[in-house]
């Protein structure tokens, strides 16, 4: 099969399309014929060697984590999936290799693709959806009726964070550029803040939490914005955790309904 890989950390010039052996799934793994794959900032940061503590120095390395496709082989201990299932998910950090004709992944990081979602849409949900879910639900324990500020609300993590917060019954304020105001409102944000012309005094102590999807946009002022006992959580800080199953099943159930 063909896959995109690299022989050392560096820029995009290190990438090569190579012919490699078809990977075989073992135990609780599945092999997926890839229909779509998504690109995340994490992918190029890994390629440049910025995450060596997690990825190690074994080469050649495949590129890409998020994927969707059709299962064509399963490991000996797989029970949840069968050949022919349409799925989406992500590889573990050290595995990578989604930018290929086939990819092997652990079943714990894969879910069934809803029939009313395209392969392209599904491939774009996994890592960013996990970041949004972990920040709001696992870390901050978002509850109905709370008020949350989502920075970078038109980014990939931000868009999903907005939808998760709305489904939880929270009131969502989003920050983006002035040019994105109408688009943010169309996403369901109740109020839009232009982050380039931001008056902290107008929002002091207003929010139960801030989901800082960019990891830096409002950090210096976050303590002034949240109410007493409020929280600041960073989507950027949790993007590599990848506890995907709960996120994906939740998203699949909501999308299907």
C-alpha atoms as a PDB file:
ATOM      1  CA  UNK A   1       0.000   0.000   0.000  1.00  0.00           C
ATOM      2  CA  UNK A   2       0.983   3.668  -0.262  1.00  0.00           C
ATOM      3  CA  UNK A   3       1.444   5.952   2.727  1.00  0.00           C
ATOM      4  CA  UNK A   4       2.997   9.331   3.485  1.00  0.00           C
ATOM      5  CA  UNK A   5       5.973   9.002   5.825  1.00  0.00           C
ATOM      6  CA  UNK A   6       9.244  10.640   6.829  1.00  0.00           C
ATOM      7  CA  UNK A   7      12.698   9.394   7.799  1.00  0.00           C
ATOM      8  CA  UNK A   8      13.628  12.205  10.190  1.00  0.00           C
ATOM      9  CA  UNK A   9      11.985  15.107  11.954  1.00  0.00           C
ATOM     10  CA  UNK A  10      11.797  18.306   9.946  1.00  0.00           C
ATOM     11  CA  UNK A  11       9.730  20.368   7.530  1.00  0.00           C
ATOM     12  CA  UNK A  12       7.315  19.234   4.824  1.00  0.00           C
ATOM     13  CA  UNK A  13      10.260  18.577   2.511  1.00  0.00           C
ATOM     14  CA  UNK A  14      10.957  15.435   4.573  1.00  0.00           C
ATOM     15  CA  UNK A  15       7.664  13.816   3.539  1.00  0.00           C
ATOM     16  CA  UNK A  16       7.662  10.981   1.020  1.00  0.00           C
ATOM     17  CA  UNK A  17       5.002   8.781  -0.574  1.00  0.00           C
ATOM     18  CA  UNK A  18       6.260   5.251   0.007  1.00  0.00           C
ATOM     19  CA  UNK A  19       5.209   1.700  -0.832  1.00  0.00           C
ATOM     20  CA  UNK A  20       4.975  -0.253   2.438  1.00  0.00           C
ATOM     21  CA  UNK A  21       3.644  -3.607   3.558  1.00  0.00           C
ATOM     22  CA  UNK A  22      -0.032  -3.813   4.389  1.00  0.00           C
ATOM     23  CA  UNK A  23      -0.281  -3.639   8.224  1.00  0.00           C
ATOM     24  CA  UNK A  24      -1.912  -6.546  10.061  1.00  0.00           C
ATOM     25  CA  UNK A  25      -4.227  -5.951  13.039  1.00  0.00           C
ATOM     26  CA  UNK A  26      -3.539  -7.899  16.228  1.00  0.00           C
ATOM     27  CA  UNK A  27      -5.734  -8.632  19.241  1.00  0.00           C
ATOM     28  CA  UNK A  28      -8.027  -5.591  19.778  1.00  0.00           C
ATOM     29  CA  UNK A  29      -6.997  -3.763  16.624  1.00  0.00           C
ATOM     30  CA  UNK A  30      -8.795  -3.201  13.332  1.00  0.00           C
ATOM     31  CA  UNK A  31      -7.495  -2.403   9.873  1.00  0.00           C
ATOM     32  CA  UNK A  32      -9.360   0.323   8.023  1.00  0.00           C
ATOM     33  CA  UNK A  33      -9.370   1.163   4.340  1.00  0.00           C
ATOM     34  CA  UNK A  34      -9.032   4.937   4.628  1.00  0.00           C
ATOM     35  CA  UNK A  35     -11.649   7.058   2.873  1.00  0.00           C
ATOM     36  CA  UNK A  36     -10.701  10.382   4.464  1.00  0.00           C
ATOM     37  CA  UNK A  37      -8.080  11.757   6.860  1.00  0.00           C
ATOM     38  CA  UNK A  38      -7.852  15.086   8.689  1.00  0.00           C
ATOM     39  CA  UNK A  39      -4.895  17.365   9.346  1.00  0.00           C
ATOM     40  CA  UNK A  40      -4.348  18.837  12.818  1.00  0.00           C
ATOM     41  CA  UNK A  41      -1.691  21.230  14.152  1.00  0.00           C
ATOM     42  CA  UNK A  42      -0.566  18.253  16.225  1.00  0.00           C
ATOM     43  CA  UNK A  43       0.444  16.439  13.026  1.00  0.00           C
ATOM     44  CA  UNK A  44       2.911  19.026  11.805  1.00  0.00           C
ATOM     45  CA  UNK A  45       4.208  19.624  15.323  1.00  0.00           C
ATOM     46  CA  UNK A  46       4.973  15.911  15.615  1.00  0.00           C
ATOM     47  CA  UNK A  47       6.606  15.927  12.176  1.00  0.00           C
ATOM     48  CA  UNK A  48       8.844  18.842  13.203  1.00  0.00           C
ATOM     49  CA  UNK A  49       9.953  16.971  16.334  1.00  0.00           C
ATOM     50  CA  UNK A  50       8.168  19.162  18.880  1.00  0.00           C
ATOM     51  CA  UNK A  51       6.670  16.155  20.680  1.00  0.00           C
ATOM     52  CA  UNK A  52       9.682  13.816  20.795  1.00  0.00           C
ATOM     53  CA  UNK A  53       9.006  12.931  24.425  1.00  0.00           C
ATOM     54  CA  UNK A  54       5.820  11.214  23.268  1.00  0.00           C
ATOM     55  CA  UNK A  55       6.700  10.043  19.783  1.00  0.00           C
ATOM     56  CA  UNK A  56      10.266   8.791  20.244  1.00  0.00           C
ATOM     57  CA  UNK A  57      12.878   8.450  17.508  1.00  0.00           C
ATOM     58  CA  UNK A  58      11.793   5.368  15.574  1.00  0.00           C
ATOM     59  CA  UNK A  59      11.700   5.869  11.788  1.00  0.00           C
ATOM     60  CA  UNK A  60      10.231   5.752   9.247  1.00  0.00           C
ATOM     61  CA  UNK A  61       7.145   7.340  10.765  1.00  0.00           C
ATOM     62  CA  UNK A  62       3.734   7.632   9.167  1.00  0.00           C
ATOM     63  CA  UNK A  63       1.849  10.927   9.309  1.00  0.00           C
ATOM     64  CA  UNK A  64      -1.687  11.702  10.430  1.00  0.00           C
ATOM     65  CA  UNK A  65      -3.983  10.474  13.187  1.00  0.00           C
ATOM     66  CA  UNK A  66      -7.651  11.236  12.374  1.00  0.00           C
ATOM     67  CA  UNK A  67      -9.325   9.011   9.801  1.00  0.00           C
ATOM     68  CA  UNK A  68     -12.559   7.479   8.599  1.00  0.00           C
ATOM     69  CA  UNK A  69     -13.133   4.478   6.384  1.00  0.00           C
ATOM     70  CA  UNK A  70     -14.311   0.887   6.119  1.00  0.00           C
ATOM     71  CA  UNK A  71     -12.989  -2.010   8.207  1.00  0.00           C
ATOM     72  CA  UNK A  72     -11.397  -4.718   6.077  1.00  0.00           C
ATOM     73  CA  UNK A  73      -9.737  -6.854   8.801  1.00  0.00           C
ATOM     74  CA  UNK A  74     -10.063  -7.320  12.569  1.00  0.00           C
ATOM     75  CA  UNK A  75      -7.821  -8.695  15.297  1.00  0.00           C
ATOM     76  CA  UNK A  76      -8.501 -11.934  17.153  1.00  0.00           C
ATOM     77  CA  UNK A  77     -10.094 -10.251  20.202  1.00  0.00           C
ATOM     78  CA  UNK A  78     -12.291  -7.685  18.451  1.00  0.00           C
ATOM     79  CA  UNK A  79     -15.978  -7.965  19.382  1.00  0.00           C
ATOM     80  CA  UNK A  80     -17.499  -4.512  18.788  1.00  0.00           C
ATOM     81  CA  UNK A  81     -16.706  -4.291  15.090  1.00  0.00           C
ATOM     82  CA  UNK A  82     -16.835  -6.456  11.982  1.00  0.00           C
ATOM     83  CA  UNK A  83     -15.471  -6.316   8.451  1.00  0.00           C
ATOM     84  CA  UNK A  84     -17.500  -3.857   6.393  1.00  0.00           C
ATOM     85  CA  UNK A  85     -18.338  -1.475   9.241  1.00  0.00           C
ATOM     86  CA  UNK A  86     -17.962   2.221   8.452  1.00  0.00           C
ATOM     87  CA  UNK A  87     -15.941   3.820  11.257  1.00  0.00           C
ATOM     88  CA  UNK A  88     -14.052   6.929  12.306  1.00  0.00           C
ATOM     89  CA  UNK A  89     -11.363   7.455  14.896  1.00  0.00           C
ATOM     90  CA  UNK A  90      -7.701   8.144  15.458  1.00  0.00           C
ATOM     91  CA  UNK A  91      -4.489   6.247  15.922  1.00  0.00           C
ATOM     92  CA  UNK A  92      -2.465   6.480  19.122  1.00  0.00           C
ATOM     93  CA  UNK A  93       0.208   9.189  19.192  1.00  0.00           C
ATOM     94  CA  UNK A  94       3.102   6.811  18.549  1.00  0.00           C
ATOM     95  CA  UNK A  95       1.262   4.943  15.798  1.00  0.00           C
ATOM     96  CA  UNK A  96       0.141   7.688  13.409  1.00  0.00           C
ATOM     97  CA  UNK A  97      -0.095   6.674   9.750  1.00  0.00           C
ATOM     98  CA  UNK A  98      -3.605   7.835   8.815  1.00  0.00           C
ATOM     99  CA  UNK A  99      -2.315   9.444   5.619  1.00  0.00           C
ATOM    100  CA  UNK A 100      -2.289   6.095   3.864  1.00  0.00           C
ATOM    101  CA  UNK A 101      -4.477   3.699   1.937  1.00  0.00           C
ATOM    102  CA  UNK A 102      -4.905   1.532   5.054  1.00  0.00           C
ATOM    103  CA  UNK A 103      -4.362   2.178   8.740  1.00  0.00           C
ATOM    104  CA  UNK A 104      -4.380  -0.021  11.854  1.00  0.00           C
ATOM    105  CA  UNK A 105      -5.885   1.371  15.048  1.00  0.00           C
ATOM    106  CA  UNK A 106      -6.909   0.156  18.500  1.00  0.00           C
ATOM    107  CA  UNK A 107     -10.660  -0.345  18.908  1.00  0.00           C
ATOM    108  CA  UNK A 108     -10.686   1.930  21.967  1.00  0.00           C
ATOM    109  CA  UNK A 109     -10.012   4.932  19.711  1.00  0.00           C
ATOM    110  CA  UNK A 110     -12.606   4.064  17.050  1.00  0.00           C
ATOM    111  CA  UNK A 111     -16.396   4.390  16.781  1.00  0.00           C
ATOM    112  CA  UNK A 112     -19.049   3.533  14.210  1.00  0.00           C
ATOM    113  CA  UNK A 113     -19.675   6.331  11.709  1.00  0.00           C
ATOM    114  CA  UNK A 114     -23.257   7.633  11.698  1.00  0.00           C
ATOM    115  CA  UNK A 115     -24.880   6.944   8.329  1.00  0.00           C
ATOM    116  CA  UNK A 116     -25.925  10.577   7.884  1.00  0.00           C
ATOM    117  CA  UNK A 117     -22.338  11.864   8.227  1.00  0.00           C
ATOM    118  CA  UNK A 118     -19.881  11.840   5.331  1.00  0.00           C
ATOM    119  CA  UNK A 119     -16.466  10.231   5.620  1.00  0.00           C
ATOM    120  CA  UNK A 120     -14.904  13.687   5.343  1.00  0.00           C
ATOM    121  CA  UNK A 121     -17.010  15.087   8.186  1.00  0.00           C
ATOM    122  CA  UNK A 122     -16.327  12.099  10.420  1.00  0.00           C
ATOM    123  CA  UNK A 123     -12.571  12.210   9.841  1.00  0.00           C
ATOM    124  CA  UNK A 124     -12.491  15.821  11.028  1.00  0.00           C
ATOM    125  CA  UNK A 125     -14.169  15.165  14.396  1.00  0.00           C
ATOM    126  CA  UNK A 126     -11.969  12.897  16.455  1.00  0.00           C
ATOM    127  CA  UNK A 127      -9.004  14.745  17.982  1.00  0.00           C
ATOM    128  CA  UNK A 128     -10.668  18.168  18.034  1.00  0.00           C
ATOM    129  CA  UNK A 129     -13.893  16.671  19.384  1.00  0.00           C
ATOM    130  CA  UNK A 130     -11.975  14.955  22.156  1.00  0.00           C
ATOM    131  CA  UNK A 131     -10.250  18.209  23.081  1.00  0.00           C
ATOM    132  CA  UNK A 132     -13.585  20.031  23.319  1.00  0.00           C
ATOM    133  CA  UNK A 133     -15.239  17.216  25.281  1.00  0.00           C
ATOM    134  CA  UNK A 134     -12.394  16.759  27.771  1.00  0.00           C
ATOM    135  CA  UNK A 135     -12.135  20.493  28.455  1.00  0.00           C
ATOM    136  CA  UNK A 136     -15.844  21.078  29.013  1.00  0.00           C
ATOM    137  CA  UNK A 137     -17.130  17.765  30.353  1.00  0.00           C
ATOM    138  CA  UNK A 138     -14.239  15.848  31.883  1.00  0.00           C
ATOM    139  CA  UNK A 139     -12.285  18.773  33.333  1.00  0.00           C
ATOM    140  CA  UNK A 140     -14.818  21.549  33.934  1.00  0.00           C
ATOM    141  CA  UNK A 141     -17.936  19.384  34.510  1.00  0.00           C
ATOM    142  CA  UNK A 142     -20.126  21.798  32.545  1.00  0.00           C
ATOM    143  CA  UNK A 143     -23.748  21.879  33.715  1.00  0.00           C
ATOM    144  CA  UNK A 144     -27.003  23.210  32.306  1.00  0.00           C
ATOM    145  CA  UNK A 145     -27.612  26.850  33.071  1.00  0.00           C
ATOM    146  CA  UNK A 146     -23.945  27.810  33.370  1.00  0.00           C
ATOM    147  CA  UNK A 147     -22.403  30.589  31.303  1.00  0.00           C
ATOM    148  CA  UNK A 148     -19.281  29.717  29.337  1.00  0.00           C
ATOM    149  CA  UNK A 149     -16.909  31.766  27.188  1.00  0.00           C
ATOM    150  CA  UNK A 150     -15.369  29.816  24.315  1.00  0.00           C
ATOM    151  CA  UNK A 151     -12.384  31.578  22.769  1.00  0.00           C
ATOM    152  CA  UNK A 152     -11.601  30.888  19.143  1.00  0.00           C
ATOM    153  CA  UNK A 153     -15.207  29.770  18.701  1.00  0.00           C
ATOM    154  CA  UNK A 154     -14.810  29.423  14.919  1.00  0.00           C
ATOM    155  CA  UNK A 155     -11.771  27.161  15.163  1.00  0.00           C
ATOM    156  CA  UNK A 156     -12.117  23.397  14.887  1.00  0.00           C
ATOM    157  CA  UNK A 157     -12.081  22.793  18.667  1.00  0.00           C
ATOM    158  CA  UNK A 158     -14.156  25.909  19.281  1.00  0.00           C
ATOM    159  CA  UNK A 159     -16.965  24.909  16.917  1.00  0.00           C
ATOM    160  CA  UNK A 160     -17.398  21.556  18.608  1.00  0.00           C
ATOM    161  CA  UNK A 161     -17.096  23.128  22.059  1.00  0.00           C
ATOM    162  CA  UNK A 162     -19.958  25.471  21.178  1.00  0.00           C
ATOM    163  CA  UNK A 163     -22.193  22.563  20.180  1.00  0.00           C
ATOM    164  CA  UNK A 164     -21.308  20.475  23.248  1.00  0.00           C
ATOM    165  CA  UNK A 165     -22.010  23.441  25.537  1.00  0.00           C
ATOM    166  CA  UNK A 166     -25.329  24.146  23.855  1.00  0.00           C
ATOM    167  CA  UNK A 167     -26.401  20.504  24.087  1.00  0.00           C
ATOM    168  CA  UNK A 168     -25.606  20.641  27.800  1.00  0.00           C
ATOM    169  CA  UNK A 169     -27.932  23.613  28.180  1.00  0.00           C
ATOM    170  CA  UNK A 170     -25.229  26.202  28.850  1.00  0.00           C
ATOM    171  CA  UNK A 171     -25.294  29.815  27.700  1.00  0.00           C
ATOM    172  CA  UNK A 172     -22.447  30.289  25.223  1.00  0.00           C
ATOM    173  CA  UNK A 173     -20.465  33.439  24.528  1.00  0.00           C
ATOM    174  CA  UNK A 174     -17.798  33.150  21.841  1.00  0.00           C
ATOM    175  CA  UNK A 175     -14.777  35.199  20.864  1.00  0.00           C
ATOM    176  CA  UNK A 176     -13.507  35.574  17.310  1.00  0.00           C
ATOM    177  CA  UNK A 177     -12.656  38.389  14.902  1.00  0.00           C
ATOM    178  CA  UNK A 178     -15.312  40.932  13.993  1.00  0.00           C
ATOM    179  CA  UNK A 179     -15.476  39.429  10.513  1.00  0.00           C
ATOM    180  CA  UNK A 180     -16.709  36.136  11.964  1.00  0.00           C
ATOM    181  CA  UNK A 181     -19.590  37.567  13.993  1.00  0.00           C
ATOM    182  CA  UNK A 182     -22.450  36.382  11.761  1.00  0.00           C
ATOM    183  CA  UNK A 183     -20.924  32.957  11.319  1.00  0.00           C
ATOM    184  CA  UNK A 184     -20.508  32.573  15.081  1.00  0.00           C
ATOM    185  CA  UNK A 185     -24.127  33.554  15.676  1.00  0.00           C
ATOM    186  CA  UNK A 186     -25.184  30.995  13.071  1.00  0.00           C
ATOM    187  CA  UNK A 187     -23.293  28.349  15.067  1.00  0.00           C
ATOM    188  CA  UNK A 188     -25.539  29.097  18.057  1.00  0.00           C
ATOM    189  CA  UNK A 189     -23.342  31.485  20.054  1.00  0.00           C
ATOM    190  CA  UNK A 190     -25.632  33.832  21.981  1.00  0.00           C
ATOM    191  CA  UNK A 191     -23.137  36.698  22.133  1.00  0.00           C
ATOM    192  CA  UNK A 192     -19.956  37.360  20.161  1.00  0.00           C
ATOM    193  CA  UNK A 193     -16.847  39.135  21.516  1.00  0.00           C
ATOM    194  CA  UNK A 194     -14.356  40.701  19.110  1.00  0.00           C
ATOM    195  CA  UNK A 195     -11.101  39.558  20.678  1.00  0.00           C
ATOM    196  CA  UNK A 196      -9.244  42.486  19.065  1.00  0.00           C
ATOM    197  CA  UNK A 197     -11.442  45.060  20.812  1.00  0.00           C
ATOM    198  CA  UNK A 198     -12.122  43.390  24.126  1.00  0.00           C
ATOM    199  CA  UNK A 199     -13.241  45.340  27.206  1.00  0.00           C
ATOM    200  CA  UNK A 200     -12.676  43.100  30.212  1.00  0.00           C
ATOM    201  CA  UNK A 201     -14.659  45.405  32.477  1.00  0.00           C
ATOM    202  CA  UNK A 202     -17.883  44.580  30.684  1.00  0.00           C
ATOM    203  CA  UNK A 203     -17.513  40.866  31.399  1.00  0.00           C
ATOM    204  CA  UNK A 204     -15.779  40.759  34.785  1.00  0.00           C
ATOM    205  CA  UNK A 205     -16.976  37.841  36.899  1.00  0.00           C
ATOM    206  CA  UNK A 206     -19.607  36.859  34.359  1.00  0.00           C
ATOM    207  CA  UNK A 207     -18.612  33.344  33.326  1.00  0.00           C
ATOM    208  CA  UNK A 208     -18.668  30.055  35.205  1.00  0.00           C
ATOM    209  CA  UNK A 209     -15.836  28.900  32.965  1.00  0.00           C
ATOM    210  CA  UNK A 210     -13.656  29.807  30.016  1.00  0.00           C
ATOM    211  CA  UNK A 211     -12.778  27.190  27.424  1.00  0.00           C
ATOM    212  CA  UNK A 212      -9.643  28.635  25.868  1.00  0.00           C
ATOM    213  CA  UNK A 213      -9.486  26.514  22.734  1.00  0.00           C
ATOM    214  CA  UNK A 214      -6.424  28.361  21.457  1.00  0.00           C
ATOM    215  CA  UNK A 215      -4.514  27.917  24.680  1.00  0.00           C
ATOM    216  CA  UNK A 216      -3.373  31.525  24.875  1.00  0.00           C
ATOM    217  CA  UNK A 217      -5.940  34.009  23.655  1.00  0.00           C
ATOM    218  CA  UNK A 218      -7.395  35.259  26.960  1.00  0.00           C
ATOM    219  CA  UNK A 219      -5.217  33.548  29.560  1.00  0.00           C
ATOM    220  CA  UNK A 220      -3.776  36.767  31.089  1.00  0.00           C
ATOM    221  CA  UNK A 221      -7.286  38.028  31.913  1.00  0.00           C
ATOM    222  CA  UNK A 222      -9.077  34.769  32.681  1.00  0.00           C
ATOM    223  CA  UNK A 223      -9.189  35.193  36.459  1.00  0.00           C
ATOM    224  CA  UNK A 224     -11.005  38.477  36.036  1.00  0.00           C
ATOM    225  CA  UNK A 225     -13.623  37.031  33.714  1.00  0.00           C
ATOM    226  CA  UNK A 226     -14.741  34.009  35.698  1.00  0.00           C
ATOM    227  CA  UNK A 227     -17.070  34.212  38.667  1.00  0.00           C
ATOM    228  CA  UNK A 228     -15.983  33.157  42.150  1.00  0.00           C
ATOM    229  CA  UNK A 229     -14.937  29.470  42.025  1.00  0.00           C
ATOM    230  CA  UNK A 230     -15.091  29.652  38.228  1.00  0.00           C
ATOM    231  CA  UNK A 231     -12.682  27.759  35.992  1.00  0.00           C
ATOM    232  CA  UNK A 232     -10.337  28.342  33.090  1.00  0.00           C
ATOM    233  CA  UNK A 233      -9.750  25.251  30.951  1.00  0.00           C
ATOM    234  CA  UNK A 234      -7.540  25.013  27.907  1.00  0.00           C
ATOM    235  CA  UNK A 235      -8.535  22.905  24.943  1.00  0.00           C
ATOM    236  CA  UNK A 236      -4.963  23.130  23.684  1.00  0.00           C
ATOM    237  CA  UNK A 237      -3.705  21.528  26.875  1.00  0.00           C
ATOM    238  CA  UNK A 238      -5.781  18.379  26.452  1.00  0.00           C
ATOM    239  CA  UNK A 239      -5.616  17.715  22.729  1.00  0.00           C
ATOM    240  CA  UNK A 240      -3.205  14.839  22.954  1.00  0.00           C
ATOM    241  CA  UNK A 241      -5.043  12.898  25.663  1.00  0.00           C
ATOM    242  CA  UNK A 242      -7.190  11.001  23.140  1.00  0.00           C
ATOM    243  CA  UNK A 243      -9.728   9.201  25.376  1.00  0.00           C
ATOM    244  CA  UNK A 244     -11.901   9.019  22.317  1.00  0.00           C
ATOM    245  CA  UNK A 245     -14.579   6.403  22.763  1.00  0.00           C
ATOM    246  CA  UNK A 246     -16.919   8.410  24.988  1.00  0.00           C
ATOM    247  CA  UNK A 247     -16.551  11.501  22.840  1.00  0.00           C
ATOM    248  CA  UNK A 248     -17.190   9.658  19.613  1.00  0.00           C
ATOM    249  CA  UNK A 249     -20.157   7.661  20.848  1.00  0.00           C
ATOM    250  CA  UNK A 250     -21.722  10.801  22.286  1.00  0.00           C
ATOM    251  CA  UNK A 251     -21.216  12.652  18.999  1.00  0.00           C
ATOM    252  CA  UNK A 252     -22.492   9.709  16.978  1.00  0.00           C
ATOM    253  CA  UNK A 253     -25.650   9.450  19.083  1.00  0.00           C
ATOM    254  CA  UNK A 254     -26.370  13.176  18.864  1.00  0.00           C
ATOM    255  CA  UNK A 255     -25.710  13.371  15.123  1.00  0.00           C
ATOM    256  CA  UNK A 256     -27.838  10.327  14.380  1.00  0.00           C
ATOM    257  CA  UNK A 257     -30.784  11.782  16.324  1.00  0.00           C
END
